[in-house]
N, C-alpha and C. Protein backbone atom coordinates (compact mmCIF):
# COMPACT_ATOMS: atom_id res chain seq x y z
N MET A 1 118.40 85.21 125.57
CA MET A 1 118.33 86.15 126.65
C MET A 1 116.86 86.43 126.95
N LEU A 2 116.51 86.37 128.18
CA LEU A 2 115.13 86.57 128.63
C LEU A 2 114.93 88.03 128.99
N SER A 3 113.88 88.63 128.45
CA SER A 3 113.61 90.02 128.80
C SER A 3 112.27 90.10 129.51
N VAL A 4 112.23 90.89 130.54
CA VAL A 4 111.01 91.06 131.33
C VAL A 4 110.55 92.49 131.16
N ARG A 5 109.27 92.67 130.90
CA ARG A 5 108.73 94.01 130.71
C ARG A 5 107.73 94.28 131.81
N VAL A 6 107.99 95.33 132.56
CA VAL A 6 107.08 95.73 133.63
C VAL A 6 106.21 96.85 133.08
N VAL A 7 104.90 96.69 133.17
CA VAL A 7 103.97 97.66 132.63
C VAL A 7 103.23 98.31 133.77
N HIS A 8 103.28 99.61 133.80
CA HIS A 8 102.58 100.37 134.82
C HIS A 8 101.14 100.55 134.37
N PRO A 9 100.14 100.40 135.26
CA PRO A 9 98.75 100.49 134.83
C PRO A 9 98.38 101.85 134.26
N VAL A 10 99.00 102.91 134.71
CA VAL A 10 98.68 104.24 134.19
C VAL A 10 99.16 104.35 132.75
N SER A 11 100.38 103.88 132.47
CA SER A 11 100.90 103.97 131.10
C SER A 11 100.10 103.08 130.16
N THR A 12 99.59 101.95 130.68
CA THR A 12 98.75 101.08 129.86
C THR A 12 97.47 101.79 129.47
N ASN A 13 96.87 102.51 130.41
CA ASN A 13 95.63 103.22 130.11
C ASN A 13 95.88 104.40 129.18
N ILE A 14 97.03 105.04 129.28
CA ILE A 14 97.35 106.13 128.37
C ILE A 14 97.47 105.60 126.95
N SER A 15 98.12 104.44 126.79
CA SER A 15 98.23 103.88 125.44
C SER A 15 96.87 103.46 124.91
N ARG A 16 95.97 103.04 125.80
CA ARG A 16 94.61 102.70 125.36
C ARG A 16 93.88 103.95 124.87
N LEU A 17 94.10 105.07 125.56
CA LEU A 17 93.47 106.31 125.12
C LEU A 17 93.93 106.68 123.72
N GLY A 18 95.21 106.52 123.47
CA GLY A 18 95.75 106.81 122.15
C GLY A 18 95.15 105.89 121.09
N ARG A 19 94.95 104.62 121.45
CA ARG A 19 94.36 103.69 120.49
C ARG A 19 92.91 104.03 120.22
N MET A 20 92.19 104.51 121.24
CA MET A 20 90.78 104.86 121.03
C MET A 20 90.67 106.08 120.14
N ALA A 21 91.60 107.03 120.29
CA ALA A 21 91.60 108.19 119.40
C ALA A 21 91.88 107.74 117.98
N GLY A 22 92.75 106.75 117.82
CA GLY A 22 93.03 106.20 116.49
C GLY A 22 91.82 105.51 115.91
N ARG A 23 91.01 104.87 116.74
CA ARG A 23 89.82 104.18 116.24
C ARG A 23 88.84 105.19 115.67
N ARG A 24 88.67 106.32 116.34
CA ARG A 24 87.74 107.33 115.83
C ARG A 24 88.24 107.89 114.51
N ALA A 25 89.55 107.97 114.35
CA ALA A 25 90.11 108.48 113.10
C ALA A 25 89.97 107.46 111.97
N ALA A 26 89.84 106.18 112.31
CA ALA A 26 89.79 105.12 111.30
C ALA A 26 88.36 104.66 111.02
N LEU A 27 87.40 105.55 111.15
CA LEU A 27 86.01 105.16 110.95
C LEU A 27 85.65 105.00 109.48
N LYS A 28 86.40 105.58 108.56
CA LYS A 28 86.07 105.48 107.15
C LYS A 28 86.32 104.06 106.65
N ALA A 29 85.36 103.55 105.91
CA ALA A 29 85.48 102.19 105.38
C ALA A 29 86.15 102.24 104.01
N ILE A 30 86.84 101.18 103.68
CA ILE A 30 87.53 101.07 102.40
C ILE A 30 86.74 100.10 101.52
N ASP A 31 86.48 100.49 100.29
CA ASP A 31 85.80 99.62 99.34
C ASP A 31 86.87 98.75 98.68
N TRP A 32 87.13 97.59 99.28
CA TRP A 32 88.22 96.73 98.84
C TRP A 32 87.99 96.16 97.44
N LEU A 33 86.73 95.90 97.08
CA LEU A 33 86.46 95.35 95.75
C LEU A 33 86.79 96.36 94.66
N ALA A 34 86.38 97.61 94.86
CA ALA A 34 86.70 98.65 93.88
C ALA A 34 88.21 98.89 93.84
N PHE A 35 88.83 98.81 95.01
CA PHE A 35 90.28 99.00 95.09
C PHE A 35 90.99 97.86 94.35
N ALA A 36 90.53 96.63 94.53
CA ALA A 36 91.17 95.45 93.92
C ALA A 36 91.04 95.48 92.40
N GLU A 37 89.97 96.05 91.87
CA GLU A 37 89.80 96.12 90.42
C GLU A 37 90.86 96.99 89.76
N ARG A 38 91.40 97.93 90.50
CA ARG A 38 92.35 98.89 89.93
C ARG A 38 93.81 98.48 90.14
N ILE A 39 94.04 97.34 90.77
CA ILE A 39 95.41 96.90 91.05
C ILE A 39 95.94 96.10 89.86
N PRO A 40 97.11 96.46 89.34
CA PRO A 40 97.69 95.69 88.25
C PRO A 40 98.07 94.28 88.72
N PRO A 41 98.09 93.31 87.83
CA PRO A 41 98.39 91.93 88.24
C PRO A 41 99.75 91.77 88.89
N ASN A 42 100.74 92.56 88.48
CA ASN A 42 102.07 92.40 89.06
C ASN A 42 102.16 92.95 90.49
N GLN A 43 101.13 93.67 90.95
CA GLN A 43 101.14 94.22 92.32
C GLN A 43 100.09 93.55 93.20
N ARG A 44 99.51 92.46 92.72
CA ARG A 44 98.44 91.78 93.46
C ARG A 44 98.95 91.25 94.81
N GLY A 45 100.17 90.73 94.86
CA GLY A 45 100.72 90.21 96.12
C GLY A 45 100.87 91.30 97.17
N MET A 46 101.38 92.46 96.75
CA MET A 46 101.52 93.58 97.69
C MET A 46 100.15 94.04 98.18
N PHE A 47 99.18 94.07 97.26
CA PHE A 47 97.83 94.48 97.65
C PHE A 47 97.24 93.50 98.68
N ASN A 48 97.41 92.20 98.43
CA ASN A 48 96.87 91.20 99.36
C ASN A 48 97.52 91.31 100.74
N SER A 49 98.83 91.54 100.79
CA SER A 49 99.48 91.68 102.09
C SER A 49 99.03 92.96 102.79
N MET A 50 98.81 94.04 102.04
CA MET A 50 98.32 95.28 102.65
C MET A 50 96.90 95.09 103.19
N LYS A 51 96.06 94.37 102.44
CA LYS A 51 94.69 94.14 102.89
C LYS A 51 94.68 93.25 104.14
N THR A 52 95.53 92.23 104.17
CA THR A 52 95.62 91.37 105.34
C THR A 52 96.05 92.16 106.56
N ARG A 53 97.04 93.02 106.38
CA ARG A 53 97.51 93.86 107.50
C ARG A 53 96.42 94.82 107.95
N SER A 54 95.72 95.43 107.00
CA SER A 54 94.64 96.35 107.34
C SER A 54 93.52 95.62 108.07
N ASP A 55 93.17 94.42 107.62
CA ASP A 55 92.13 93.64 108.30
C ASP A 55 92.55 93.28 109.73
N ALA A 56 93.83 92.95 109.91
CA ALA A 56 94.32 92.62 111.26
C ALA A 56 94.24 93.84 112.18
N ILE A 57 94.61 94.99 111.66
CA ILE A 57 94.56 96.22 112.47
C ILE A 57 93.11 96.58 112.78
N SER A 58 92.23 96.44 111.79
CA SER A 58 90.81 96.73 112.01
C SER A 58 90.21 95.80 113.05
N ALA A 59 90.58 94.51 112.99
CA ALA A 59 90.07 93.55 113.97
C ALA A 59 90.57 93.90 115.36
N LYS A 60 91.83 94.30 115.46
CA LYS A 60 92.38 94.68 116.77
C LYS A 60 91.67 95.92 117.31
N LEU A 61 91.43 96.91 116.44
CA LEU A 61 90.72 98.11 116.88
C LEU A 61 89.29 97.78 117.30
N ALA A 62 88.64 96.87 116.58
CA ALA A 62 87.26 96.51 116.91
C ALA A 62 87.19 95.75 118.23
N SER A 63 88.26 95.04 118.58
CA SER A 63 88.23 94.25 119.81
C SER A 63 88.45 95.11 121.06
N LEU A 64 88.95 96.32 120.89
CA LEU A 64 89.20 97.19 122.05
C LEU A 64 87.88 97.78 122.55
N PRO A 65 87.78 97.99 123.86
CA PRO A 65 86.54 98.59 124.38
C PRO A 65 86.43 100.06 123.96
N GLU A 66 85.19 100.55 123.94
CA GLU A 66 84.96 101.93 123.52
C GLU A 66 85.53 102.92 124.54
N ALA A 67 85.42 102.61 125.81
CA ALA A 67 85.95 103.46 126.87
C ALA A 67 87.02 102.67 127.64
N PRO A 68 88.06 103.34 128.13
CA PRO A 68 89.09 102.62 128.87
C PRO A 68 88.56 102.10 130.20
N ALA A 69 89.17 101.03 130.68
CA ALA A 69 88.78 100.48 131.98
C ALA A 69 89.10 101.50 133.08
N ALA A 70 88.21 101.61 134.03
CA ALA A 70 88.42 102.57 135.13
C ALA A 70 89.54 102.07 136.04
N ILE A 71 90.35 102.99 136.50
CA ILE A 71 91.46 102.64 137.39
C ILE A 71 90.95 102.66 138.83
N ASP A 72 91.26 101.59 139.55
CA ASP A 72 90.85 101.49 140.96
C ASP A 72 91.94 102.17 141.79
N TRP A 73 91.80 103.49 141.98
CA TRP A 73 92.81 104.26 142.70
C TRP A 73 92.87 103.85 144.16
N ALA A 74 91.75 103.44 144.75
CA ALA A 74 91.74 103.03 146.16
C ALA A 74 92.61 101.79 146.36
N TYR A 75 92.58 100.88 145.40
CA TYR A 75 93.42 99.67 145.50
C TYR A 75 94.90 100.06 145.51
N TYR A 76 95.28 100.96 144.60
CA TYR A 76 96.68 101.36 144.53
C TYR A 76 97.11 102.17 145.76
N ARG A 77 96.18 102.94 146.36
CA ARG A 77 96.53 103.66 147.59
C ARG A 77 96.87 102.67 148.71
N GLY A 78 96.16 101.54 148.72
CA GLY A 78 96.42 100.54 149.75
C GLY A 78 97.68 99.73 149.48
N VAL A 79 98.07 99.59 148.21
CA VAL A 79 99.21 98.73 147.85
C VAL A 79 100.52 99.51 147.82
N VAL A 80 100.50 100.74 147.31
CA VAL A 80 101.72 101.53 147.16
C VAL A 80 102.11 102.08 148.54
N ALA A 81 103.38 101.87 148.91
CA ALA A 81 103.85 102.24 150.25
C ALA A 81 104.09 103.75 150.40
N LYS A 82 104.51 104.40 149.33
CA LYS A 82 104.84 105.82 149.43
C LYS A 82 103.56 106.65 149.45
N PRO A 83 103.32 107.42 150.52
CA PRO A 83 102.09 108.21 150.60
C PRO A 83 102.12 109.36 149.59
N GLY A 84 100.98 109.65 148.97
CA GLY A 84 100.85 110.76 148.05
C GLY A 84 101.22 110.43 146.61
N MET A 85 101.90 109.33 146.39
CA MET A 85 102.33 108.98 145.04
C MET A 85 101.12 108.66 144.16
N VAL A 86 100.17 107.88 144.68
CA VAL A 86 98.99 107.51 143.92
C VAL A 86 98.12 108.74 143.67
N ASP A 87 98.02 109.64 144.68
CA ASP A 87 97.24 110.85 144.49
C ASP A 87 97.84 111.72 143.38
N GLU A 88 99.17 111.78 143.35
CA GLU A 88 99.86 112.54 142.31
C GLU A 88 99.60 111.94 140.93
N PHE A 89 99.69 110.60 140.84
CA PHE A 89 99.39 109.93 139.57
C PHE A 89 97.95 110.15 139.14
N GLU A 90 97.03 110.08 140.11
CA GLU A 90 95.61 110.26 139.80
C GLU A 90 95.36 111.68 139.28
N LYS A 91 95.99 112.66 139.93
CA LYS A 91 95.81 114.06 139.51
C LYS A 91 96.38 114.26 138.10
N LYS A 92 97.55 113.70 137.82
CA LYS A 92 98.16 113.84 136.49
C LYS A 92 97.35 113.09 135.44
N PHE A 93 96.83 111.92 135.83
CA PHE A 93 96.06 111.13 134.87
C PHE A 93 94.75 111.84 134.52
N SER A 94 94.09 112.42 135.49
CA SER A 94 92.83 113.11 135.21
C SER A 94 93.06 114.40 134.42
N ALA A 95 94.25 114.99 134.55
CA ALA A 95 94.57 116.21 133.81
C ALA A 95 95.02 115.90 132.38
N LEU A 96 95.36 114.64 132.11
CA LEU A 96 95.87 114.25 130.79
C LEU A 96 94.74 114.25 129.76
N LYS A 97 94.94 114.97 128.69
CA LYS A 97 94.00 114.98 127.57
C LYS A 97 94.78 114.59 126.31
N VAL A 98 94.33 113.53 125.67
CA VAL A 98 94.97 113.08 124.44
C VAL A 98 94.30 113.80 123.28
N PRO A 99 95.05 114.63 122.57
CA PRO A 99 94.44 115.37 121.46
C PRO A 99 94.17 114.44 120.28
N GLU A 100 93.05 114.68 119.63
CA GLU A 100 92.77 113.93 118.41
C GLU A 100 93.57 114.54 117.29
N PRO A 101 94.05 113.71 116.39
CA PRO A 101 94.85 114.26 115.29
C PRO A 101 94.00 115.20 114.42
N VAL A 102 94.62 116.27 113.97
CA VAL A 102 93.95 117.24 113.12
C VAL A 102 94.11 116.78 111.67
N ASP A 103 93.01 116.79 110.96
CA ASP A 103 93.03 116.36 109.56
C ASP A 103 93.56 117.50 108.70
N THR A 104 94.78 117.32 108.19
CA THR A 104 95.39 118.36 107.37
C THR A 104 95.49 117.96 105.91
N GLN A 105 95.16 116.72 105.57
CA GLN A 105 95.39 116.23 104.21
C GLN A 105 94.13 116.05 103.39
N THR A 106 92.95 116.03 104.01
CA THR A 106 91.73 115.75 103.26
C THR A 106 91.48 116.79 102.17
N ASN A 107 91.69 118.06 102.47
CA ASN A 107 91.46 119.10 101.46
C ASN A 107 92.41 118.93 100.28
N ALA A 108 93.67 118.61 100.55
CA ALA A 108 94.64 118.42 99.46
C ALA A 108 94.26 117.19 98.63
N ILE A 109 93.82 116.13 99.30
CA ILE A 109 93.42 114.91 98.59
C ILE A 109 92.18 115.18 97.75
N ASN A 110 91.22 115.91 98.30
CA ASN A 110 90.01 116.24 97.54
C ASN A 110 90.34 117.10 96.33
N ALA A 111 91.29 118.03 96.48
CA ALA A 111 91.71 118.86 95.35
C ALA A 111 92.38 118.00 94.27
N GLN A 112 93.22 117.06 94.70
CA GLN A 112 93.85 116.15 93.74
C GLN A 112 92.80 115.29 93.03
N GLU A 113 91.81 114.84 93.78
CA GLU A 113 90.75 114.02 93.19
C GLU A 113 89.96 114.83 92.17
N ALA A 114 89.63 116.08 92.50
CA ALA A 114 88.89 116.92 91.56
C ALA A 114 89.71 117.16 90.30
N GLU A 115 91.00 117.41 90.46
CA GLU A 115 91.88 117.62 89.30
C GLU A 115 91.96 116.36 88.46
N ALA A 116 92.10 115.20 89.11
CA ALA A 116 92.16 113.94 88.38
C ALA A 116 90.85 113.66 87.66
N ASN A 117 89.73 113.96 88.29
CA ASN A 117 88.43 113.76 87.64
C ASN A 117 88.29 114.67 86.42
N LYS A 118 88.75 115.92 86.56
CA LYS A 118 88.69 116.86 85.44
C LYS A 118 89.57 116.36 84.29
N ASN A 119 90.78 115.89 84.62
CA ASN A 119 91.67 115.35 83.59
C ASN A 119 91.07 114.10 82.94
N ALA A 120 90.41 113.27 83.74
CA ALA A 120 89.80 112.05 83.21
C ALA A 120 88.66 112.39 82.25
N VAL A 121 87.85 113.39 82.61
CA VAL A 121 86.75 113.79 81.73
C VAL A 121 87.31 114.34 80.42
N THR A 122 88.36 115.15 80.50
CA THR A 122 89.00 115.69 79.29
C THR A 122 89.55 114.55 78.43
N TYR A 123 90.20 113.59 79.06
CA TYR A 123 90.76 112.45 78.33
C TYR A 123 89.66 111.62 77.68
N VAL A 124 88.56 111.40 78.40
CA VAL A 124 87.45 110.61 77.85
C VAL A 124 86.86 111.32 76.64
N GLU A 125 86.68 112.64 76.73
CA GLU A 125 86.13 113.39 75.59
C GLU A 125 87.08 113.31 74.39
N ALA A 126 88.38 113.48 74.63
CA ALA A 126 89.35 113.37 73.54
C ALA A 126 89.35 111.95 72.97
N SER A 127 89.21 110.96 73.83
CA SER A 127 89.18 109.57 73.39
C SER A 127 87.95 109.30 72.53
N LYS A 128 86.82 109.89 72.90
CA LYS A 128 85.61 109.70 72.09
C LYS A 128 85.82 110.27 70.68
N GLY A 129 86.49 111.42 70.59
CA GLY A 129 86.81 111.99 69.28
C GLY A 129 87.73 111.09 68.49
N ARG A 130 88.75 110.54 69.15
CA ARG A 130 89.68 109.63 68.47
C ARG A 130 88.94 108.36 68.03
N ILE A 131 88.06 107.86 68.86
CA ILE A 131 87.30 106.65 68.52
C ILE A 131 86.44 106.90 67.29
N ALA A 132 85.80 108.08 67.21
CA ALA A 132 84.97 108.40 66.04
C ALA A 132 85.82 108.44 64.78
N SER A 133 87.00 109.06 64.84
CA SER A 133 87.85 109.11 63.65
C SER A 133 88.37 107.72 63.29
N TYR A 134 88.70 106.90 64.28
CA TYR A 134 89.16 105.54 64.01
C TYR A 134 88.05 104.69 63.42
N GLU A 135 86.80 104.91 63.86
CA GLU A 135 85.69 104.16 63.29
C GLU A 135 85.46 104.54 61.84
N LYS A 136 85.63 105.84 61.52
CA LYS A 136 85.51 106.26 60.11
C LYS A 136 86.60 105.59 59.27
N GLU A 137 87.83 105.59 59.80
CA GLU A 137 88.93 104.97 59.09
C GLU A 137 88.71 103.47 58.93
N LEU A 138 88.19 102.84 59.94
CA LEU A 138 87.90 101.41 59.88
C LEU A 138 86.83 101.12 58.83
N GLU A 139 85.82 101.98 58.79
CA GLU A 139 84.76 101.82 57.78
C GLU A 139 85.34 101.98 56.38
N LYS A 140 86.29 102.92 56.23
CA LYS A 140 86.96 103.10 54.93
C LYS A 140 87.70 101.83 54.54
N PHE A 141 88.40 101.22 55.49
CA PHE A 141 89.15 99.99 55.20
C PHE A 141 88.21 98.83 54.88
N LYS A 142 87.08 98.77 55.56
CA LYS A 142 86.13 97.69 55.31
C LYS A 142 85.48 97.81 53.94
N SER A 143 85.26 99.06 53.47
CA SER A 143 84.56 99.26 52.21
C SER A 143 85.48 99.35 50.99
N MET A 144 86.78 99.38 51.18
CA MET A 144 87.68 99.53 50.03
C MET A 144 87.92 98.19 49.34
N ILE A 145 88.41 98.29 48.13
CA ILE A 145 88.73 97.10 47.33
C ILE A 145 89.94 96.43 47.97
N PRO A 146 90.02 95.10 47.98
CA PRO A 146 91.22 94.44 48.52
C PRO A 146 92.47 94.89 47.77
N PHE A 147 93.59 94.95 48.47
CA PHE A 147 94.84 95.46 47.89
C PHE A 147 95.27 94.66 46.66
N ASP A 148 95.07 93.36 46.67
CA ASP A 148 95.53 92.56 45.54
C ASP A 148 94.70 92.80 44.27
N GLN A 149 93.55 93.49 44.40
CA GLN A 149 92.71 93.78 43.24
C GLN A 149 92.76 95.26 42.85
N MET A 150 93.54 96.07 43.57
CA MET A 150 93.60 97.51 43.33
C MET A 150 94.52 97.85 42.17
N THR A 151 94.15 98.93 41.46
CA THR A 151 95.06 99.54 40.49
C THR A 151 95.70 100.74 41.17
N ILE A 152 96.66 101.36 40.51
CA ILE A 152 97.32 102.54 41.07
C ILE A 152 96.30 103.65 41.27
N GLU A 153 95.37 103.80 40.34
CA GLU A 153 94.35 104.84 40.45
C GLU A 153 93.45 104.60 41.66
N ASP A 154 93.10 103.32 41.90
CA ASP A 154 92.28 102.97 43.08
C ASP A 154 93.05 103.29 44.37
N LEU A 155 94.33 102.95 44.38
CA LEU A 155 95.16 103.21 45.56
C LEU A 155 95.24 104.72 45.82
N ASN A 156 95.46 105.51 44.76
CA ASN A 156 95.55 106.96 44.93
C ASN A 156 94.21 107.56 45.36
N ALA A 157 93.11 106.96 44.94
CA ALA A 157 91.79 107.46 45.33
C ALA A 157 91.53 107.19 46.82
N VAL A 158 91.94 106.00 47.29
CA VAL A 158 91.70 105.65 48.69
C VAL A 158 92.72 106.33 49.60
N PHE A 159 93.97 106.37 49.16
CA PHE A 159 95.05 106.97 49.96
C PHE A 159 95.67 108.12 49.15
N PRO A 160 95.12 109.33 49.25
CA PRO A 160 95.62 110.45 48.42
C PRO A 160 97.08 110.81 48.69
N GLU A 161 97.59 110.46 49.84
CA GLU A 161 99.00 110.79 50.14
C GLU A 161 99.97 109.98 49.30
N THR A 162 99.50 108.92 48.63
CA THR A 162 100.39 108.11 47.78
C THR A 162 100.50 108.66 46.36
N THR A 163 99.69 109.66 46.01
CA THR A 163 99.71 110.24 44.66
C THR A 163 101.02 110.97 44.42
N LEU A 164 101.63 110.70 43.28
CA LEU A 164 102.89 111.36 42.93
C LEU A 164 102.59 112.74 42.36
N ASP A 165 103.33 113.71 42.82
CA ASP A 165 103.18 115.08 42.33
C ASP A 165 104.24 115.31 41.26
N LYS A 166 103.88 115.02 39.98
CA LYS A 166 104.87 115.12 38.89
C LYS A 166 105.17 116.57 38.53
N ALA A 167 104.29 117.49 38.89
CA ALA A 167 104.57 118.91 38.63
C ALA A 167 105.65 119.40 39.57
N LYS A 168 105.64 118.91 40.79
CA LYS A 168 106.63 119.34 41.79
C LYS A 168 107.95 118.61 41.59
N HIS A 169 107.86 117.31 41.25
CA HIS A 169 109.05 116.47 41.04
C HIS A 169 108.87 115.76 39.68
N PRO A 170 109.27 116.39 38.57
CA PRO A 170 108.97 115.84 37.24
C PRO A 170 109.79 114.61 36.84
N TYR A 171 110.91 114.34 37.46
CA TYR A 171 111.75 113.23 37.05
C TYR A 171 111.69 112.10 38.07
N TRP A 172 111.89 110.90 37.51
CA TRP A 172 111.93 109.72 38.39
C TRP A 172 113.10 109.85 39.32
N PRO A 173 113.02 109.53 40.57
CA PRO A 173 112.02 108.80 41.36
C PRO A 173 110.94 109.70 41.94
N HIS A 174 110.70 110.89 41.35
CA HIS A 174 109.66 111.81 41.76
C HIS A 174 109.78 112.25 43.22
N LYS A 175 110.98 112.23 43.74
CA LYS A 175 111.28 112.74 45.08
C LYS A 175 112.57 113.54 44.98
N PRO A 176 112.76 114.53 45.82
CA PRO A 176 114.03 115.25 45.79
C PRO A 176 115.18 114.30 46.14
N ILE A 177 116.33 114.54 45.60
CA ILE A 177 117.51 113.72 45.82
C ILE A 177 117.85 113.68 47.30
N ALA A 178 117.63 114.78 48.00
CA ALA A 178 117.97 114.84 49.43
C ALA A 178 117.14 113.86 50.25
N GLU A 179 115.95 113.50 49.78
CA GLU A 179 115.08 112.58 50.54
C GLU A 179 115.36 111.13 50.24
N LEU A 180 116.21 110.82 49.25
CA LEU A 180 116.47 109.43 48.89
C LEU A 180 117.39 108.75 49.83
């Protein structure tokens, strides 16, 4: 089935105005390299398709002129048979103001970013503490006698939690029956 689309020049210019407002809103650049470093390998395909789509939209926005083409109202007055129709369109077109979108999300995003940065700093500090304790433990393992050469006394000295408390549990197996 063949479909024919008739485009009115005024509606075409209105859609161009909307696209130009969108271009001003899309002035922020995306650091794709930094973004790509944070993408997990299993989502790389989705990231590539999103980047391709974003590049296509950016190229289309860049190809549009900064200002819309001027409408030749005199030409339409001569072509349109109904008197006053072009004047009415011209008056409505000149009165038309396309509002720029109001940014309502940047403050919320900035607050989320600040919270995430604060959580990241807290996590990094806690991680540094864990790393220090793990390095101490690793040093203990590196400096201890190999297990195959240890006696029970050596094992109890290195790992005090393995020492049997015979005063608390005087009979073999030196554990309460309930724990067996």
